[in-house]
Structure formats: C-alpha cells, structure tokens
Protein backbone atom coordinates (compact mmCIF):
# COMPACT_ATOMS: atom_id res chain seq x y z
CA MET A 1 0.00 0.00 0.00
CA ARG A 2 1.22 3.51 -0.80
CA LEU A 3 0.00 6.62 1.01
CA THR A 4 0.40 10.13 -0.39
CA ALA A 5 -0.98 13.41 0.87
CA ARG A 6 -1.04 17.05 -0.10
CA VAL A 7 -2.58 20.32 1.05
CA GLU A 8 -5.07 21.99 -1.26
CA ALA A 9 -6.54 25.51 -1.18
CA HIS A 10 -9.98 26.11 -2.69
CA ALA A 11 -11.14 29.69 -3.12
CA LEU A 12 -14.48 30.77 -1.63
CA THR A 13 -16.95 32.83 -3.62
CA GLU A 14 -16.98 35.40 -0.78
CA PRO A 15 -15.55 35.66 2.75
CA PHE A 16 -17.33 33.36 5.19
CA VAL A 17 -17.72 34.90 8.65
CA ILE A 18 -18.46 33.17 11.96
CA ALA A 19 -18.21 34.51 15.50
CA ARG A 20 -14.53 33.63 15.90
CA HIS A 21 -13.04 33.74 12.38
CA VAL A 22 -13.22 34.94 8.78
CA TYR A 23 -12.48 32.38 6.04
CA THR A 24 -11.45 33.36 2.51
CA GLU A 25 -10.51 29.89 1.25
CA ALA A 26 -10.97 26.26 2.19
CA ASN A 27 -7.62 24.68 3.06
CA VAL A 28 -7.86 20.91 3.16
CA LEU A 29 -5.72 17.81 3.41
CA HIS A 30 -6.16 15.43 0.48
CA VAL A 31 -5.07 11.82 1.10
CA GLU A 32 -4.71 8.98 -1.41
CA ILE A 33 -3.99 5.34 -0.59
CA ALA A 34 -3.09 3.06 -3.51
CA ALA A 35 -3.10 -0.73 -3.57
CA ARG A 36 -3.42 -3.36 -6.32
CA GLY A 37 -4.27 -0.78 -8.99
CA ALA A 38 -6.96 1.01 -7.02
CA ILE A 39 -6.82 4.38 -5.26
CA GLY A 40 -8.90 5.40 -2.24
CA ARG A 41 -9.31 9.08 -1.43
CA GLY A 42 -10.17 11.08 1.67
CA GLU A 43 -10.27 14.75 2.59
CA ALA A 44 -10.23 16.73 5.82
CA ALA A 45 -10.29 20.38 6.80
CA GLY A 46 -9.41 19.60 10.39
CA VAL A 47 -10.66 21.41 13.48
CA ASP A 48 -8.94 24.75 13.93
CA TYR A 49 -10.06 25.32 17.51
CA LEU A 50 -8.49 21.96 18.46
CA GLY A 51 -5.17 22.88 16.85
CA ASP A 52 -5.52 21.21 13.45
CA THR A 53 -3.95 23.05 10.52
CA PRO A 54 -3.33 21.71 7.02
CA GLN A 55 0.38 21.50 7.79
CA THR A 56 0.04 19.70 11.13
CA MET A 57 -2.35 17.20 9.54
CA LEU A 58 0.01 16.70 6.61
CA LEU A 59 2.90 15.92 8.97
CA GLN A 60 0.76 13.44 10.90
CA VAL A 61 -0.18 11.60 7.73
CA GLN A 62 3.26 11.69 6.14
CA ALA A 63 4.67 10.03 9.24
CA LEU A 64 2.55 6.99 8.37
CA ALA A 65 3.70 6.64 4.75
CA VAL A 66 6.68 4.37 5.48
CA GLU A 67 4.53 2.11 7.65
CA PHE A 68 1.95 1.80 4.88
CA GLU A 69 4.56 0.80 2.33
CA ALA A 70 5.98 -1.74 4.77
CA GLY A 71 2.53 -3.25 5.28
CA MET A 72 2.42 -2.30 8.96
CA LEU A 73 -0.82 -0.28 8.72
CA LEU A 74 -3.41 -2.28 6.87
CA ASP A 75 -6.80 -1.34 8.27
CA ARG A 76 -8.89 1.34 9.95
CA ALA A 77 -8.42 -0.12 13.43
CA CYS A 78 -4.67 0.39 13.12
CA ILE A 79 -5.21 4.01 12.10
CA ALA A 80 -7.50 4.65 15.06
CA ALA A 81 -4.76 3.38 17.35
CA ARG A 82 -2.05 5.49 15.71
CA LEU A 83 -3.77 8.85 15.18
CA PRO A 84 -5.78 10.98 17.61
CA ARG A 85 -9.30 12.11 16.75
CA GLY A 86 -9.23 14.95 14.27
CA GLY A 87 -8.71 15.76 10.63
CA ALA A 88 -5.67 13.61 9.83
CA ARG A 89 -7.38 10.44 11.05
CA ASN A 90 -10.56 11.41 9.20
CA ALA A 91 -8.80 11.76 5.86
CA VAL A 92 -6.95 8.44 6.20
CA ASP A 93 -9.98 6.58 7.55
CA CYS A 94 -12.19 7.75 4.68
CA ALA A 95 -9.49 6.97 2.11
CA LEU A 96 -9.33 3.41 3.45
CA TRP A 97 -13.12 3.01 3.22
CA ASP A 98 -12.96 4.24 -0.38
CA LEU A 99 -10.06 1.93 -1.22
CA GLU A 100 -11.90 -1.08 0.23
CA ALA A 101 -14.94 -0.24 -1.91
CA LYS A 102 -12.85 0.04 -5.06
CA LEU A 103 -10.94 -3.18 -4.40
CA THR A 104 -14.05 -5.23 -3.64
CA GLY A 105 -16.62 -3.53 -5.87
CA VAL A 106 -18.90 -3.29 -2.82
CA PRO A 107 -20.08 0.25 -1.96
CA VAL A 108 -19.14 1.67 1.44
CA ALA A 109 -22.78 1.87 2.53
CA VAL A 110 -23.17 -1.88 1.95
CA ARG A 111 -19.88 -2.69 3.70
CA ALA A 112 -21.04 -0.58 6.65
CA GLY A 113 -24.30 -2.53 6.87
CA LEU A 114 -26.50 0.43 5.97
CA ALA A 115 -29.71 0.48 3.97
CA PRO A 116 -29.44 1.86 0.41
CA LEU A 117 -28.62 5.56 0.58
CA ARG A 118 -31.51 7.92 0.01
CA PRO A 119 -31.41 11.59 -1.02
CA ILE A 120 -31.08 13.97 1.93
CA GLU A 121 -32.08 17.63 2.29
CA THR A 122 -29.33 19.86 3.65
CA PHE A 123 -29.36 23.20 5.38
CA VAL A 124 -27.20 25.91 3.82
CA THR A 125 -25.35 28.44 5.93
CA LEU A 126 -25.56 32.22 6.00
CA GLY A 127 -22.28 33.62 7.31
CA MET A 128 -22.41 36.57 9.70
CA ASP A 129 -23.05 39.93 8.06
CA THR A 130 -25.31 42.90 8.56
CA PRO A 131 -28.98 42.05 9.08
CA ALA A 132 -29.86 43.58 5.70
CA ALA A 133 -27.16 41.65 3.84
CA MET A 134 -28.15 38.35 5.44
CA ALA A 135 -31.82 39.00 4.70
CA ALA A 136 -31.01 39.72 1.06
CA LYS A 137 -29.08 36.45 0.76
CA ALA A 138 -31.88 34.54 2.48
CA ALA A 139 -34.38 35.94 -0.02
CA ARG A 140 -32.17 34.84 -2.94
CA TRP A 141 -31.45 31.38 -1.58
CA ALA A 142 -34.73 30.32 -0.01
CA PRO A 143 -36.49 29.33 -3.28
CA ASP A 144 -33.84 26.67 -3.96
CA PHE A 145 -32.47 26.16 -0.44
CA PRO A 146 -35.43 26.35 1.96
CA CYS A 147 -33.46 25.23 5.03
CA LEU A 148 -31.19 27.99 6.35
CA LYS A 149 -28.57 27.91 9.08
CA VAL A 150 -27.76 31.37 10.46
CA LYS A 151 -24.35 32.23 11.92
CA LEU A 152 -24.68 34.49 14.97
CA GLY A 153 -22.58 35.78 17.84
CA ASP A 154 -22.99 39.47 18.68
CA ALA A 155 -25.48 42.15 19.74
CA LEU A 156 -27.26 42.22 16.35
CA ASP A 157 -28.34 38.59 16.44
CA LEU A 158 -32.06 39.04 17.04
CA GLU A 159 -32.14 41.78 14.43
CA ARG A 160 -30.52 39.38 11.97
CA LEU A 161 -33.07 36.68 12.66
CA GLU A 162 -35.98 39.12 12.39
CA ALA A 163 -34.72 40.33 9.01
CA ILE A 164 -34.11 36.82 7.70
CA ARG A 165 -37.53 35.62 8.79
CA ALA A 166 -39.18 38.59 7.05
CA ALA A 167 -37.20 37.88 3.87
CA ALA A 168 -37.81 34.11 3.92
CA PRO A 169 -41.09 33.57 5.81
CA ARG A 170 -41.42 29.86 4.94
CA ALA A 171 -37.79 28.82 5.39
CA ARG A 172 -36.72 26.43 8.12
CA LEU A 173 -34.23 28.18 10.40
CA ILE A 174 -31.55 26.96 12.76
CA ALA A 175 -29.04 29.22 14.51
CA ASP A 176 -25.37 28.76 15.39
CA ALA A 177 -23.91 31.12 18.00
CA ASN A 178 -20.43 29.52 17.87
CA GLN A 179 -19.91 30.06 21.63
CA GLY A 180 -20.86 33.73 21.31
CA TRP A 181 -23.59 34.08 23.96
CA THR A 182 -24.00 34.03 27.72
CA LEU A 183 -26.66 32.08 29.58
CA ASP A 184 -28.48 35.34 30.34
CA GLN A 185 -28.55 36.23 26.63
CA LEU A 186 -29.77 32.76 25.72
CA ASN A 187 -32.63 32.94 28.20
CA VAL A 188 -33.57 36.46 27.13
CA TYR A 189 -33.48 35.51 23.44
CA ALA A 190 -35.34 32.21 23.89
CA PRO A 191 -38.96 33.45 23.62
CA ARG A 192 -38.22 35.40 20.45
CA LEU A 193 -36.31 32.47 18.95
CA SER A 194 -39.40 30.33 19.47
CA ALA A 195 -41.68 32.98 17.96
CA LEU A 196 -39.45 33.23 14.89
CA GLY A 197 -39.63 29.46 14.36
CA VAL A 198 -35.96 28.77 15.06
CA GLU A 199 -35.75 24.97 15.35
CA LEU A 200 -32.34 24.59 16.97
CA VAL A 201 -29.52 26.62 18.53
CA GLU A 202 -25.98 25.28 18.19
CA GLN A 203 -23.32 25.87 20.83
CA PRO A 204 -24.69 29.02 22.50
CA LEU A 205 -22.13 29.14 25.33
CA PRO A 206 -18.33 28.85 25.36
CA VAL A 207 -16.77 25.42 25.76
CA GLY A 208 -16.47 24.55 29.43
CA GLN A 209 -19.68 26.29 30.45
CA ASP A 210 -22.03 23.46 29.58
CA ASP A 211 -23.20 22.97 33.16
CA ALA A 212 -24.82 26.42 33.04
CA LEU A 213 -27.27 25.02 30.48
CA LEU A 214 -29.00 23.16 33.29
CA ASP A 215 -30.57 26.59 33.94
CA TYR A 216 -31.69 27.13 30.34
CA ARG A 217 -35.38 28.05 30.34
CA GLY A 218 -36.19 28.13 26.62
CA GLU A 219 -38.12 25.74 24.41
CA VAL A 220 -35.78 25.72 21.39
CA PRO A 221 -33.54 22.62 21.54
CA LEU A 222 -29.81 23.12 22.00
CA CYS A 223 -27.08 21.29 20.09
CA ALA A 224 -23.51 20.60 21.23
CA ASP A 225 -20.85 21.33 18.64
CA GLU A 226 -17.52 22.64 19.97
CA SER A 227 -18.34 21.03 23.35
CA PHE A 228 -18.48 17.58 21.79
CA ASP A 229 -16.14 15.58 19.56
CA ASP A 230 -16.59 11.82 19.90
CA ARG A 231 -18.00 9.03 22.07
CA ALA A 232 -15.81 10.02 25.01
CA ASP A 233 -17.79 13.27 25.34
CA LEU A 234 -21.32 11.87 25.23
CA ASP A 235 -21.96 11.37 28.94
CA ARG A 236 -20.79 14.91 29.70
CA ILE A 237 -23.32 16.58 27.38
CA VAL A 238 -26.38 14.45 28.19
CA GLY A 239 -28.93 16.55 30.06
CA ARG A 240 -27.40 19.79 28.83
CA TYR A 241 -28.08 19.45 25.12
CA ALA A 242 -30.88 17.77 23.17
CA PHE A 243 -28.74 17.29 20.03
CA CYS A 244 -25.10 16.58 19.24
CA ASN A 245 -23.45 17.74 16.01
CA ILE A 246 -21.40 14.90 14.52
CA LYS A 247 -18.54 16.00 12.29
CA LEU A 248 -16.12 13.55 10.74
CA ASP A 249 -13.26 16.01 11.21
CA LYS A 250 -13.96 16.22 14.94
CA CYS A 251 -14.43 12.54 15.69
CA GLY A 252 -11.76 11.23 13.34
CA GLY A 253 -13.52 9.63 10.41
CA LEU A 254 -16.46 7.61 9.21
CA THR A 255 -15.61 4.61 11.39
CA GLU A 256 -15.96 6.59 14.61
CA ALA A 257 -18.92 8.59 13.27
CA LEU A 258 -20.95 5.44 12.64
CA ALA A 259 -20.21 4.12 16.12
CA LEU A 260 -20.91 7.55 17.57
CA THR A 261 -24.33 7.68 15.92
CA GLU A 262 -25.40 4.48 17.63
CA ALA A 263 -23.94 5.48 21.00
CA ALA A 264 -25.56 8.92 20.96
CA ARG A 265 -28.99 7.52 20.15
CA ALA A 266 -28.61 5.00 22.98
CA ARG A 267 -28.25 7.95 25.37
CA GLY A 268 -31.35 9.67 24.04
CA LEU A 269 -29.50 12.37 22.10
CA ARG A 270 -30.92 13.57 18.81
CA LEU A 271 -28.56 13.78 15.86
CA MET A 272 -27.23 16.51 13.62
CA ILE A 273 -24.40 16.14 11.14
CA GLY A 274 -22.24 19.10 10.17
CA CYS A 275 -19.09 19.84 8.23
CA MET A 276 -16.03 22.03 8.14
CA GLU A 277 -14.83 23.74 4.95
CA GLY A 278 -13.99 21.63 1.92
CA THR A 279 -15.08 19.94 -1.29
CA SER A 280 -17.63 17.25 -2.09
CA LEU A 281 -14.93 14.64 -1.41
CA GLY A 282 -15.05 15.61 2.26
CA ILE A 283 -18.86 15.66 2.27
CA ALA A 284 -19.50 12.27 0.61
CA PRO A 285 -18.73 10.06 3.66
CA GLY A 286 -20.95 12.28 5.78
CA LEU A 287 -23.94 11.40 3.65
CA LEU A 288 -23.85 7.91 5.17
CA VAL A 289 -24.13 9.34 8.69
CA ALA A 290 -26.78 11.81 7.51
CA GLN A 291 -29.17 8.94 6.87
CA ASP A 292 -29.82 8.78 10.63
CA CYS A 293 -29.77 12.51 11.42
CA GLU A 294 -32.70 14.89 11.91
CA ILE A 295 -30.65 17.96 10.97
CA VAL A 296 -28.20 17.79 8.06
CA ASP A 297 -25.70 20.60 7.41
CA LEU A 298 -23.46 19.36 4.59
CA ASP A 299 -23.30 22.46 2.44
CA CYS A 300 -19.69 23.65 2.49
CA PRO A 301 -18.90 23.03 -1.23
CA ILE A 302 -21.62 25.51 -2.18
CA GLN A 303 -19.26 28.26 -1.00
CA LEU A 304 -16.47 27.23 -3.39
CA VAL A 305 -15.62 28.93 -6.66
CA THR A 306 -14.95 25.44 -8.08
CA ASP A 307 -15.84 22.13 -6.46
CA ILE A 308 -13.99 18.88 -7.07
CA GLU A 309 -14.80 16.83 -10.19
CA HIS A 310 -17.88 14.60 -9.82
CA GLY A 311 -19.10 16.75 -6.90
CA PHE A 312 -22.68 16.98 -5.67
CA GLY A 313 -23.49 20.01 -7.80
CA TYR A 314 -25.81 21.69 -5.28
CA ARG A 315 -28.42 22.67 -7.83
CA ASP A 316 -30.91 22.49 -4.97
CA ALA A 317 -30.89 21.48 -1.32
CA ILE A 318 -31.01 17.73 -2.05
CA LEU A 319 -27.86 15.65 -1.72
CA ARG A 320 -28.10 12.51 -3.82
CA PRO A 321 -25.87 9.45 -3.32
CA PRO A 322 -22.44 10.24 -4.78
CA ALA A 323 -21.04 8.75 -7.95
CA ALA A 324 -18.47 6.03 -7.39
CA ALA A 325 -15.98 8.27 -9.20
CA LEU A 326 -16.25 10.72 -6.31
CA TRP A 327 -16.09 8.37 -3.30
CA GLY A 328 -17.36 5.13 -1.89
C-alpha cells in the first residue's frame, strides 16, 4: 500500500464569517492510498479550535507513509490506534473506506451494513453579516435552499433573525452562536427564537460552560458542537443538550462517526451532522451518517468557486448518493 498526501486551497466565492473567524478559502488535506491498482481518497479540513492546521495534519499523515509501504498499517483499526481524533485520522480513515470499496466492488454503505442511501435535504449556511445583507441572501437562496442555518454571535443577532424571517417567511431556520452568547442572553433571546420558528440553537455558550445550560429556560432545543467531539464526550453533554453535532473532522472519520451515531442515540440524544470547509470529497462520507440525522448541514462546497470533479453540484438542497468516481 502507498499513502500520499497534499494540502489543497480552494477559493471561496466570498468571505465566510463566523463569530470567531473569517475564512477566505478552504484549506484541506487530500489523502490517497493506492493498492493493487486502485486508489482510495479522503479529505479533511481539520478542526482549527483543536489545533488542526493543514500543515500539522500533513505531517501526521506523512509520518505513516513508510509504515503503509511496509505493510504495517493495513486497516482502519490500526489508524484509530495510531492517530488521535481529528482531521488527519478522518482523511486516512475515509481513504481506506474508499479503497476497500474500489478493491471489492462493494459500496461503502453496503460494507457498513446500511440500507441503500436515500437523497437527503441539507441546510445551507448564511455567514455573519449585517442584518440587511443576510436578509437579502436569504431571499435569494430560499427558493432553492429552503433550510437555512444562520451564523450568529454578537449584539445584532435578534435583528438578523428578524430580518431573515421577514425575507424568507417559509424557510426552516436553525441558529449557530459559535460560543458567542452568555446564559443570560440565551434565556432572554429564547422566547423570540421560538416565535421566529428557530428549530435549533448550536453551541450558544463557550466550551467549558455546559453545566450552566442546566438553567436554560427556553423551548428551542440546544445542540452541542464545539463542546463535543466523539464518544468520550457523550456522557458529559447528556442533560445539557438535546442534540449533538457529529462532524467527521472532529471525531476522526467515518468509522468513529458510525459508532458515535449508535452510542448517541442509545443515550437519548438527537442527531445533527455538520461539516467544516472543503469539497464534495469531504462531504461524501458524511452522507452515510446523515441517513440517521434529523438535521443535516453538509453544504460547504456551495461556498467554493470550483468544487472537485464529480461533486454533488448543489443545484438544490437535495444531496443525492455520490457517484463512485467521487467516493465510496
């Protein structure tokens, strides 16, 4: 087996703003694993707030190349033992799933024991901007993308939501504060969030303040994102959040994500799947996890000037099972 990796930069159509950062391009790690004439591919953006960068992920993966060629790392269990959760393990794990599918001719969904993949509706994300600018984008997008995720995190948040709701009165709305609120703000905002039809609030408080959510008085369900990475975090968030946001970059790949889905449901948590920045290659494995999720946020390639070949296309909000030429 031969492992190669490289860093790729994909330009965004416009700056993408969240509470803690402004993105102008999607920087991802692209991994290929070759064996017996077949090539499996995986992609990861990593998790910046956990210390992942394209270069640190690249170094992690390159350190494995000699072991792959020597036949010392042959399966996904070996990778889970060698790499911590995060983007590097995600890219390698997904490349191995893809390679197995290409070598056997059996799709990943079948190998994972899943039912045939069905089309899934995704939310699309409005980055932080002025209320007027976000409302204008919502009005443009809602006819084709009727499920909108709104990035929030400062004093204008309710004004943003009011403007978006006026511009897109029939759209489904979820909100992501990216750790930008206090408990007092959350409780003050809660009645208006309900009145505006907001279905979910992601990560309202900073990481480490989850216990304060025991005093949350609102009706809108809360979802753990930055406070939650993999199965080791589940018991800590139960009772504080209704949902957990599964991301392959956070948990370390499709293998962990599938196990995480089952473990979260066993604890009574409802499921959301999200993504970091990247191309359709990074999104394709997530579609398998999305089959069991109530909220699906797999839209990042829509922000790219040019997606990868054989990508999802994003002509509408429906993600259809990927072509084998893309992944899986």
